[in-house]
């Protein structure tokens, strides 16, 4: 789906017409520059590369700056590829939040907060032993048996165990657009979006 690059600003809440308090997320979206258009003839597939978040030119390689200058773009921090837009776009076009409409539903892709190495209670929601009596020493948050014996003499792949949690690409679908502030390049969507404050997100129609 076509989309734009942006940043997660943070969370707030809004009141609906019925008086309900709705949790929502503020996203800064664009403006994004179309930095490359990929075609079947040249690249073997169709895509649109967009660039976002200006930075100092000295922080980019000359090769990348040469690539961006073909689209009359300044130095940027982030570039991604999205699927082609329904309306044809040209190299150097600037895409803004006007691509979206209030009331429509969007998909947001981000990188979840990294939580480091976590145990099974936090990572998978295990209950633990739950009873500290009857000689249960130091077992309250332990995983318990993992099922292996002399047969199969190994641990099956996918076994829910302790390990790295978070810091993964997460896609959240069907978030409703509650408000658009074009002058600030801001979209407010209903619900939560993966990632920490100021982390990059891709918002898709």
C-alpha atoms as a PDB file:
ATOM      1  CA  UNK A   1       0.000   0.000   0.000  1.00  0.00           C
ATOM      2  CA  UNK A   2       1.205   3.553  -0.619  1.00  0.00           C
ATOM      3  CA  UNK A   3       2.320   5.395   2.473  1.00  0.00           C
ATOM      4  CA  UNK A   4       4.429   8.142   4.015  1.00  0.00           C
ATOM      5  CA  UNK A   5       7.272   8.333   6.505  1.00  0.00           C
ATOM      6  CA  UNK A   6       6.848  10.058   9.828  1.00  0.00           C
ATOM      7  CA  UNK A   7       7.617  10.141  13.541  1.00  0.00           C
ATOM      8  CA  UNK A   8       5.687   9.160  16.627  1.00  0.00           C
ATOM      9  CA  UNK A   9       5.332  12.293  18.758  1.00  0.00           C
ATOM     10  CA  UNK A  10       3.499  10.754  21.699  1.00  0.00           C
ATOM     11  CA  UNK A  11       0.081   9.874  23.081  1.00  0.00           C
ATOM     12  CA  UNK A  12      -2.852  11.947  24.284  1.00  0.00           C
ATOM     13  CA  UNK A  13      -6.623  11.570  24.470  1.00  0.00           C
ATOM     14  CA  UNK A  14      -9.637  13.183  22.800  1.00  0.00           C
ATOM     15  CA  UNK A  15     -13.326  13.303  23.668  1.00  0.00           C
ATOM     16  CA  UNK A  16     -15.796  11.864  21.182  1.00  0.00           C
ATOM     17  CA  UNK A  17     -19.169  13.414  20.379  1.00  0.00           C
ATOM     18  CA  UNK A  18     -20.713  10.938  22.829  1.00  0.00           C
ATOM     19  CA  UNK A  19     -18.393  12.145  25.601  1.00  0.00           C
ATOM     20  CA  UNK A  20     -16.103   9.109  25.626  1.00  0.00           C
ATOM     21  CA  UNK A  21     -12.399   9.677  26.308  1.00  0.00           C
ATOM     22  CA  UNK A  22     -10.486   8.094  23.401  1.00  0.00           C
ATOM     23  CA  UNK A  23      -6.757   7.286  23.695  1.00  0.00           C
ATOM     24  CA  UNK A  24      -4.916   8.397  20.571  1.00  0.00           C
ATOM     25  CA  UNK A  25      -1.431   8.843  19.149  1.00  0.00           C
ATOM     26  CA  UNK A  26       0.043  11.989  17.575  1.00  0.00           C
ATOM     27  CA  UNK A  27       2.107  11.360  14.434  1.00  0.00           C
ATOM     28  CA  UNK A  28       4.196  13.832  12.488  1.00  0.00           C
ATOM     29  CA  UNK A  29       3.866  12.697   8.862  1.00  0.00           C
ATOM     30  CA  UNK A  30       5.978  14.133   6.045  1.00  0.00           C
ATOM     31  CA  UNK A  31       6.595  16.170   4.078  1.00  0.00           C
ATOM     32  CA  UNK A  32       8.261  13.382   2.081  1.00  0.00           C
ATOM     33  CA  UNK A  33      10.141  13.814  -1.187  1.00  0.00           C
ATOM     34  CA  UNK A  34       9.858  11.237  -3.973  1.00  0.00           C
ATOM     35  CA  UNK A  35      13.572  10.424  -4.299  1.00  0.00           C
ATOM     36  CA  UNK A  36      13.339   7.540  -6.796  1.00  0.00           C
ATOM     37  CA  UNK A  37      10.738   5.742  -8.896  1.00  0.00           C
ATOM     38  CA  UNK A  38      11.524   2.086  -9.554  1.00  0.00           C
ATOM     39  CA  UNK A  39      10.076   0.367 -12.619  1.00  0.00           C
ATOM     40  CA  UNK A  40       9.810  -3.175 -13.942  1.00  0.00           C
ATOM     41  CA  UNK A  41      11.935  -2.322 -16.965  1.00  0.00           C
ATOM     42  CA  UNK A  42      14.934  -1.046 -14.982  1.00  0.00           C
ATOM     43  CA  UNK A  43      14.662  -2.542 -11.499  1.00  0.00           C
ATOM     44  CA  UNK A  44      12.525  -5.629 -11.997  1.00  0.00           C
ATOM     45  CA  UNK A  45       9.740  -4.388  -9.709  1.00  0.00           C
ATOM     46  CA  UNK A  46       7.642  -1.282  -9.116  1.00  0.00           C
ATOM     47  CA  UNK A  47       8.083   0.926  -6.053  1.00  0.00           C
ATOM     48  CA  UNK A  48       8.369   4.538  -4.954  1.00  0.00           C
ATOM     49  CA  UNK A  49      11.280   5.583  -2.732  1.00  0.00           C
ATOM     50  CA  UNK A  50      10.464   8.443  -0.358  1.00  0.00           C
ATOM     51  CA  UNK A  51      12.846  10.548   1.757  1.00  0.00           C
ATOM     52  CA  UNK A  52      12.065  12.231   5.087  1.00  0.00           C
ATOM     53  CA  UNK A  53      13.574  14.259   7.950  1.00  0.00           C
ATOM     54  CA  UNK A  54      16.168  16.790   6.817  1.00  0.00           C
ATOM     55  CA  UNK A  55      19.688  16.828   8.251  1.00  0.00           C
ATOM     56  CA  UNK A  56      23.097  18.402   7.540  1.00  0.00           C
ATOM     57  CA  UNK A  57      24.507  17.579   4.142  1.00  0.00           C
ATOM     58  CA  UNK A  58      27.920  16.860   5.728  1.00  0.00           C
ATOM     59  CA  UNK A  59      26.413  13.832   7.477  1.00  0.00           C
ATOM     60  CA  UNK A  60      25.628  12.029   4.241  1.00  0.00           C
ATOM     61  CA  UNK A  61      27.915  10.345   1.751  1.00  0.00           C
ATOM     62  CA  UNK A  62      28.530  12.053  -1.584  1.00  0.00           C
ATOM     63  CA  UNK A  63      26.980   9.078  -3.366  1.00  0.00           C
ATOM     64  CA  UNK A  64      23.698   9.443  -1.471  1.00  0.00           C
ATOM     65  CA  UNK A  65      23.696  13.223  -1.904  1.00  0.00           C
ATOM     66  CA  UNK A  66      24.129  12.736  -5.652  1.00  0.00           C
ATOM     67  CA  UNK A  67      21.171  10.344  -5.573  1.00  0.00           C
ATOM     68  CA  UNK A  68      18.994  12.858  -3.685  1.00  0.00           C
ATOM     69  CA  UNK A  69      19.975  15.836  -5.832  1.00  0.00           C
ATOM     70  CA  UNK A  70      18.436  14.117  -8.847  1.00  0.00           C
ATOM     71  CA  UNK A  71      15.120  14.707  -7.054  1.00  0.00           C
ATOM     72  CA  UNK A  72      16.126  18.225  -5.844  1.00  0.00           C
ATOM     73  CA  UNK A  73      15.981  16.899  -2.284  1.00  0.00           C
ATOM     74  CA  UNK A  74      18.023  18.069   0.694  1.00  0.00           C
ATOM     75  CA  UNK A  75      19.979  15.663   2.915  1.00  0.00           C
ATOM     76  CA  UNK A  76      17.654  13.349   4.850  1.00  0.00           C
ATOM     77  CA  UNK A  77      17.902  10.858   7.687  1.00  0.00           C
ATOM     78  CA  UNK A  78      15.483   8.216   6.437  1.00  0.00           C
ATOM     79  CA  UNK A  79      14.496   6.666   3.112  1.00  0.00           C
ATOM     80  CA  UNK A  80      12.083   3.796   2.494  1.00  0.00           C
ATOM     81  CA  UNK A  81      10.317   2.175  -0.434  1.00  0.00           C
ATOM     82  CA  UNK A  82       6.530   2.011  -0.641  1.00  0.00           C
ATOM     83  CA  UNK A  83       4.225   0.556  -3.254  1.00  0.00           C
ATOM     84  CA  UNK A  84       3.244   2.834  -6.158  1.00  0.00           C
ATOM     85  CA  UNK A  85       0.516   5.403  -5.580  1.00  0.00           C
ATOM     86  CA  UNK A  86      -2.868   5.257  -7.321  1.00  0.00           C
ATOM     87  CA  UNK A  87      -2.227   8.735  -8.728  1.00  0.00           C
ATOM     88  CA  UNK A  88       1.021   8.911 -10.633  1.00  0.00           C
ATOM     89  CA  UNK A  89       3.843  10.691  -8.810  1.00  0.00           C
ATOM     90  CA  UNK A  90       6.964  12.201 -10.340  1.00  0.00           C
ATOM     91  CA  UNK A  91      10.564  12.412  -9.187  1.00  0.00           C
ATOM     92  CA  UNK A  92      10.934  15.323  -6.748  1.00  0.00           C
ATOM     93  CA  UNK A  93       7.239  15.540  -5.789  1.00  0.00           C
ATOM     94  CA  UNK A  94       6.558  16.484  -2.154  1.00  0.00           C
ATOM     95  CA  UNK A  95       3.956  14.320  -0.430  1.00  0.00           C
ATOM     96  CA  UNK A  96       2.107  15.620   2.644  1.00  0.00           C
ATOM     97  CA  UNK A  97      -0.602  14.605   5.116  1.00  0.00           C
ATOM     98  CA  UNK A  98      -3.201  15.718   2.561  1.00  0.00           C
ATOM     99  CA  UNK A  99      -2.882  12.156   1.225  1.00  0.00           C
ATOM    100  CA  UNK A 100      -5.094  11.015   4.144  1.00  0.00           C
ATOM    101  CA  UNK A 101      -8.666  11.817   5.165  1.00  0.00           C
ATOM    102  CA  UNK A 102     -10.357  12.189   8.548  1.00  0.00           C
ATOM    103  CA  UNK A 103     -12.396   9.084   9.346  1.00  0.00           C
ATOM    104  CA  UNK A 104     -10.371   6.779   7.099  1.00  0.00           C
ATOM    105  CA  UNK A 105      -8.451   3.782   8.423  1.00  0.00           C
ATOM    106  CA  UNK A 106      -4.675   3.482   8.159  1.00  0.00           C
ATOM    107  CA  UNK A 107      -1.933   0.953   8.874  1.00  0.00           C
ATOM    108  CA  UNK A 108       1.110   2.005  10.898  1.00  0.00           C
ATOM    109  CA  UNK A 109       4.444   0.160  10.847  1.00  0.00           C
ATOM    110  CA  UNK A 110       7.077   0.854  13.512  1.00  0.00           C
ATOM    111  CA  UNK A 111       9.797  -0.727  15.640  1.00  0.00           C
ATOM    112  CA  UNK A 112       8.578  -1.713  19.088  1.00  0.00           C
ATOM    113  CA  UNK A 113      10.404  -0.643  22.232  1.00  0.00           C
ATOM    114  CA  UNK A 114      13.304  -2.937  23.082  1.00  0.00           C
ATOM    115  CA  UNK A 115      12.909  -4.538  26.516  1.00  0.00           C
ATOM    116  CA  UNK A 116      16.096  -6.603  26.567  1.00  0.00           C
ATOM    117  CA  UNK A 117      16.314 -10.199  27.832  1.00  0.00           C
ATOM    118  CA  UNK A 118      13.051 -11.014  29.641  1.00  0.00           C
ATOM    119  CA  UNK A 119      11.662 -14.065  31.420  1.00  0.00           C
ATOM    120  CA  UNK A 120       8.580 -16.068  30.489  1.00  0.00           C
ATOM    121  CA  UNK A 121       6.215 -14.183  32.813  1.00  0.00           C
ATOM    122  CA  UNK A 122       6.832 -10.822  31.127  1.00  0.00           C
ATOM    123  CA  UNK A 123       7.552 -12.134  27.628  1.00  0.00           C
ATOM    124  CA  UNK A 124       4.747 -14.709  27.252  1.00  0.00           C
ATOM    125  CA  UNK A 125       2.384 -14.026  30.146  1.00  0.00           C
ATOM    126  CA  UNK A 126       3.122 -17.178  32.139  1.00  0.00           C
ATOM    127  CA  UNK A 127       1.515 -17.219  35.592  1.00  0.00           C
ATOM    128  CA  UNK A 128       4.472 -18.669  37.499  1.00  0.00           C
ATOM    129  CA  UNK A 129       3.909 -20.948  40.476  1.00  0.00           C
ATOM    130  CA  UNK A 130       1.683 -18.444  42.249  1.00  0.00           C
ATOM    131  CA  UNK A 131       2.183 -20.020  45.690  1.00  0.00           C
ATOM    132  CA  UNK A 132       5.265 -19.324  47.782  1.00  0.00           C
ATOM    133  CA  UNK A 133       4.521 -22.039  50.380  1.00  0.00           C
ATOM    134  CA  UNK A 134       5.204 -25.805  50.428  1.00  0.00           C
ATOM    135  CA  UNK A 135       8.883 -25.589  49.671  1.00  0.00           C
ATOM    136  CA  UNK A 136       8.591 -23.540  46.470  1.00  0.00           C
ATOM    137  CA  UNK A 137      11.997 -21.923  46.666  1.00  0.00           C
ATOM    138  CA  UNK A 138      12.914 -19.377  43.996  1.00  0.00           C
ATOM    139  CA  UNK A 139      10.384 -20.791  41.482  1.00  0.00           C
ATOM    140  CA  UNK A 140       7.715 -18.074  41.409  1.00  0.00           C
ATOM    141  CA  UNK A 141       8.620 -16.795  37.923  1.00  0.00           C
ATOM    142  CA  UNK A 142      10.314 -19.920  36.541  1.00  0.00           C
ATOM    143  CA  UNK A 143       9.190 -21.487  33.227  1.00  0.00           C
ATOM    144  CA  UNK A 144       8.726 -25.010  34.595  1.00  0.00           C
ATOM    145  CA  UNK A 145       9.115 -28.091  32.411  1.00  0.00           C
ATOM    146  CA  UNK A 146       9.880 -27.544  28.740  1.00  0.00           C
ATOM    147  CA  UNK A 147       8.730 -31.023  27.735  1.00  0.00           C
ATOM    148  CA  UNK A 148      11.900 -32.745  26.549  1.00  0.00           C
ATOM    149  CA  UNK A 149      12.958 -36.192  27.872  1.00  0.00           C
ATOM    150  CA  UNK A 150      15.150 -38.986  26.521  1.00  0.00           C
ATOM    151  CA  UNK A 151      12.822 -38.746  23.551  1.00  0.00           C
ATOM    152  CA  UNK A 152      12.954 -36.398  21.643  1.00  0.00           C
ATOM    153  CA  UNK A 153      16.140 -35.445  23.534  1.00  0.00           C
ATOM    154  CA  UNK A 154      15.901 -31.897  22.265  1.00  0.00           C
ATOM    155  CA  UNK A 155      13.771 -28.762  22.657  1.00  0.00           C
ATOM    156  CA  UNK A 156      11.233 -28.167  19.919  1.00  0.00           C
ATOM    157  CA  UNK A 157      11.583 -24.986  17.882  1.00  0.00           C
ATOM    158  CA  UNK A 158       9.172 -22.260  18.914  1.00  0.00           C
ATOM    159  CA  UNK A 159       9.090 -23.276  22.578  1.00  0.00           C
ATOM    160  CA  UNK A 160       8.057 -20.267  24.644  1.00  0.00           C
ATOM    161  CA  UNK A 161      11.088 -19.449  26.762  1.00  0.00           C
ATOM    162  CA  UNK A 162      12.991 -16.448  28.098  1.00  0.00           C
ATOM    163  CA  UNK A 163      14.797 -14.299  25.539  1.00  0.00           C
ATOM    164  CA  UNK A 164      15.071 -10.989  23.714  1.00  0.00           C
ATOM    165  CA  UNK A 165      11.805  -9.049  23.856  1.00  0.00           C
ATOM    166  CA  UNK A 166      10.761  -6.080  21.749  1.00  0.00           C
ATOM    167  CA  UNK A 167      12.856  -4.188  19.182  1.00  0.00           C
ATOM    168  CA  UNK A 168      10.874  -5.825  16.367  1.00  0.00           C
ATOM    169  CA  UNK A 169       9.055  -4.513  13.306  1.00  0.00           C
ATOM    170  CA  UNK A 170       5.366  -4.326  14.250  1.00  0.00           C
ATOM    171  CA  UNK A 171       2.399  -3.542  11.994  1.00  0.00           C
ATOM    172  CA  UNK A 172      -0.865  -2.252  13.493  1.00  0.00           C
ATOM    173  CA  UNK A 173      -3.845  -2.199  11.139  1.00  0.00           C
ATOM    174  CA  UNK A 174      -7.162  -0.334  11.066  1.00  0.00           C
ATOM    175  CA  UNK A 175      -6.264   2.746  13.113  1.00  0.00           C
ATOM    176  CA  UNK A 176      -8.860   5.437  12.514  1.00  0.00           C
ATOM    177  CA  UNK A 177      -7.726   8.967  11.607  1.00  0.00           C
ATOM    178  CA  UNK A 178      -9.376  11.305  14.124  1.00  0.00           C
ATOM    179  CA  UNK A 179      -7.816  14.623  13.140  1.00  0.00           C
ATOM    180  CA  UNK A 180      -5.445  16.091  10.554  1.00  0.00           C
ATOM    181  CA  UNK A 181      -3.497  19.333  11.096  1.00  0.00           C
ATOM    182  CA  UNK A 182      -2.027  20.067   7.664  1.00  0.00           C
ATOM    183  CA  UNK A 183      -0.198  23.234   8.750  1.00  0.00           C
ATOM    184  CA  UNK A 184       1.810  21.183  11.276  1.00  0.00           C
ATOM    185  CA  UNK A 185       2.082  17.950   9.231  1.00  0.00           C
ATOM    186  CA  UNK A 186       0.323  16.137  12.083  1.00  0.00           C
ATOM    187  CA  UNK A 187      -2.141  13.242  12.080  1.00  0.00           C
ATOM    188  CA  UNK A 188      -3.931  12.006  15.199  1.00  0.00           C
ATOM    189  CA  UNK A 189      -4.980   8.346  15.083  1.00  0.00           C
ATOM    190  CA  UNK A 190      -7.129   6.333  17.453  1.00  0.00           C
ATOM    191  CA  UNK A 191      -5.232   3.816  19.593  1.00  0.00           C
ATOM    192  CA  UNK A 192      -1.585   2.945  20.144  1.00  0.00           C
ATOM    193  CA  UNK A 193       1.321   2.858  17.698  1.00  0.00           C
ATOM    194  CA  UNK A 194       4.485   0.753  18.157  1.00  0.00           C
ATOM    195  CA  UNK A 195       7.732   2.460  19.117  1.00  0.00           C
ATOM    196  CA  UNK A 196       9.148   5.071  21.462  1.00  0.00           C
ATOM    197  CA  UNK A 197       8.701   8.833  21.149  1.00  0.00           C
ATOM    198  CA  UNK A 198      10.469  10.299  18.093  1.00  0.00           C
ATOM    199  CA  UNK A 199      10.862   6.851  16.521  1.00  0.00           C
ATOM    200  CA  UNK A 200      10.243   6.512  12.777  1.00  0.00           C
ATOM    201  CA  UNK A 201       6.997   5.038  11.495  1.00  0.00           C
ATOM    202  CA  UNK A 202       5.469   4.273   8.106  1.00  0.00           C
ATOM    203  CA  UNK A 203       1.798   5.176   7.774  1.00  0.00           C
ATOM    204  CA  UNK A 204      -0.060   3.447   4.952  1.00  0.00           C
ATOM    205  CA  UNK A 205      -3.485   3.994   3.421  1.00  0.00           C
END
